[in-house]
Amino acid sequence: MNFDEAIKSHSDWKMKLQRYLSNPDGSINAAQLSQDNLCVLGKWIHGDGKKYSHLDEYQQLLSAHKNFHKSASDIVIRRDRGEDVKADIALSGKSPYATHSSSVISLLMKMRQLCKN
C-alpha cells in the first residue's frame, strides 16, 4: 500500500460511520473497531509500514491511529446504546474523532512528503 491508498482507506471510515449512525444495523462491532490493527491501514502500520518506524511521524501515527479507533468505537457504543448521536457533531469539527482522524491523515501526508526526498 502506498501513502495515497493509506489516506483513502482511512478516509473511507468516515463514510462507514456516517452510514452506521443513520442506520445502526450491527454491521460495525465496537470491540473490533477499538483495535487499531484490524483495519486496512492498521494492518499496514503494524506490517509493511514498519519500514518507516525510524520517522518520528510514524511513532506519532501509531498513537493517533490508536486514538482514532478508540474515539470511533466510543461513537458506535453510544449509538448502539440508543443514544441519538448526530453524525455532523460526532464526526466533524473539534470532536475527538475528527481531531484524531485529521491527525492520522496529516501524519500520512507528512510521511509521504518525507519519503519523496
Protein backbone atom coordinates (compact mmCIF):
# COMPACT_ATOMS: atom_id res chain seq x y z
CA MET A 1 0.00 0.00 0.00
CA ASN A 2 1.28 3.47 -0.81
CA PHE A 3 0.56 6.63 1.18
CA ASP A 4 -2.31 7.71 -1.06
CA GLU A 5 -4.01 4.34 -0.60
CA ALA A 6 -3.42 4.58 3.15
CA ILE A 7 -5.07 8.01 3.26
CA LYS A 8 -8.03 6.77 1.23
CA SER A 9 -8.55 3.65 3.34
CA HIS A 10 -8.58 5.80 6.46
CA SER A 11 -10.89 8.42 4.95
CA ASP A 12 -13.39 5.72 3.98
CA TRP A 13 -14.12 5.17 7.68
CA LYS A 14 -15.94 8.47 7.94
CA MET A 15 -18.46 7.34 5.33
CA LYS A 16 -18.88 3.98 7.05
CA LEU A 17 -19.55 5.68 10.38
CA GLN A 18 -21.97 8.19 8.85
CA ARG A 19 -23.97 5.33 7.33
CA TYR A 20 -23.90 3.43 10.61
CA LEU A 21 -25.09 6.38 12.66
CA SER A 22 -28.10 6.81 10.41
CA ASN A 23 -28.78 3.04 10.34
CA PRO A 24 -27.20 1.20 13.29
CA ASP A 25 -27.63 -2.26 11.80
CA GLY A 26 -24.94 -4.03 13.83
CA SER A 27 -22.54 -4.13 10.89
CA ILE A 28 -19.82 -2.44 12.95
CA ASN A 29 -18.60 -4.23 16.05
CA ALA A 30 -17.37 -1.66 18.58
CA ALA A 31 -14.95 -4.08 20.26
CA GLN A 32 -13.29 -4.90 16.95
CA LEU A 33 -13.34 -1.27 15.86
CA SER A 34 -11.46 -0.29 19.02
CA GLN A 35 -8.49 -2.39 17.89
CA ASP A 36 -6.10 -0.41 15.72
CA ASN A 37 -4.56 -3.35 13.91
CA LEU A 38 -7.61 -4.86 12.17
CA CYS A 39 -8.44 -2.22 9.55
CA VAL A 40 -6.57 -1.95 6.26
CA LEU A 41 -4.48 0.98 7.47
CA GLY A 42 -3.78 -0.66 10.82
CA LYS A 43 -2.56 -3.84 9.15
CA TRP A 44 -0.21 -1.72 7.04
CA ILE A 45 1.02 0.35 10.01
CA HIS A 46 1.74 -2.78 12.04
CA GLY A 47 3.08 -4.66 9.00
CA ASP A 48 4.80 -3.21 5.93
CA GLY A 49 4.54 0.32 7.29
CA LYS A 50 7.06 -0.55 10.00
CA LYS A 51 9.75 0.22 7.44
CA TYR A 52 9.03 3.87 8.33
CA SER A 53 9.45 3.31 12.07
CA HIS A 54 12.62 5.41 12.02
CA LEU A 55 10.48 8.51 11.40
CA ASP A 56 9.11 10.50 14.33
CA GLU A 57 5.90 10.80 12.33
CA TYR A 58 5.49 7.03 12.30
CA GLN A 59 5.56 6.94 16.10
CA GLN A 60 3.02 9.77 16.19
CA LEU A 61 0.90 7.91 13.62
CA LEU A 62 0.77 4.83 15.86
CA SER A 63 -0.67 6.95 18.66
CA ALA A 64 -3.05 8.99 16.50
CA HIS A 65 -4.38 5.88 14.77
CA LYS A 66 -4.96 4.14 18.11
CA ASN A 67 -6.79 7.20 19.44
CA PHE A 68 -8.85 7.40 16.25
CA HIS A 69 -10.06 3.82 16.74
CA LYS A 70 -10.93 4.46 20.37
CA SER A 71 -12.97 7.55 19.51
CA ALA A 72 -14.72 5.78 16.60
CA SER A 73 -15.53 2.84 18.85
CA ASP A 74 -16.92 5.19 21.51
CA ILE A 75 -19.28 6.67 18.92
CA VAL A 76 -20.53 3.22 17.89
CA ILE A 77 -21.00 2.18 21.53
CA ARG A 78 -23.06 5.28 22.22
CA ARG A 79 -25.21 4.72 19.13
CA ASP A 80 -25.68 1.03 19.95
CA ARG A 81 -26.95 2.07 23.40
CA GLY A 82 -29.64 4.04 21.64
CA GLU A 83 -28.17 7.50 22.09
CA ASP A 84 -29.05 9.99 19.39
CA VAL A 85 -25.54 10.51 18.06
CA LYS A 86 -25.58 13.13 15.32
CA ALA A 87 -23.04 12.42 12.60
CA ASP A 88 -22.46 16.11 11.93
CA ILE A 89 -21.44 16.59 15.57
CA ALA A 90 -19.68 13.30 16.29
CA LEU A 91 -17.65 13.17 13.08
CA SER A 92 -16.78 16.77 12.40
CA GLY A 93 -15.49 19.95 13.94
CA LYS A 94 -13.43 19.55 17.05
CA SER A 95 -14.81 16.19 18.12
CA PRO A 96 -12.23 13.66 19.35
CA TYR A 97 -12.99 11.54 16.27
CA ALA A 98 -12.38 14.43 13.86
CA THR A 99 -9.25 15.56 15.69
CA HIS A 100 -7.66 12.09 15.65
CA SER A 101 -8.77 11.40 12.09
CA SER A 102 -7.23 14.65 10.88
CA SER A 103 -4.01 13.83 12.72
CA VAL A 104 -3.80 10.44 11.02
CA ILE A 105 -4.23 11.98 7.59
CA SER A 106 -1.83 14.82 8.31
CA LEU A 107 0.85 12.42 9.54
CA LEU A 108 0.45 10.18 6.50
CA MET A 109 0.82 13.22 4.25
CA LYS A 110 3.95 14.32 6.12
CA MET A 111 5.41 10.83 5.84
CA ARG A 112 4.63 10.74 2.12
CA GLN A 113 6.44 14.05 1.68
CA LEU A 114 9.45 12.97 3.75
CA CYS A 115 9.78 9.75 1.77
CA LYS A 116 9.83 11.60 -1.57
CA ASN A 117 13.09 13.30 -0.59
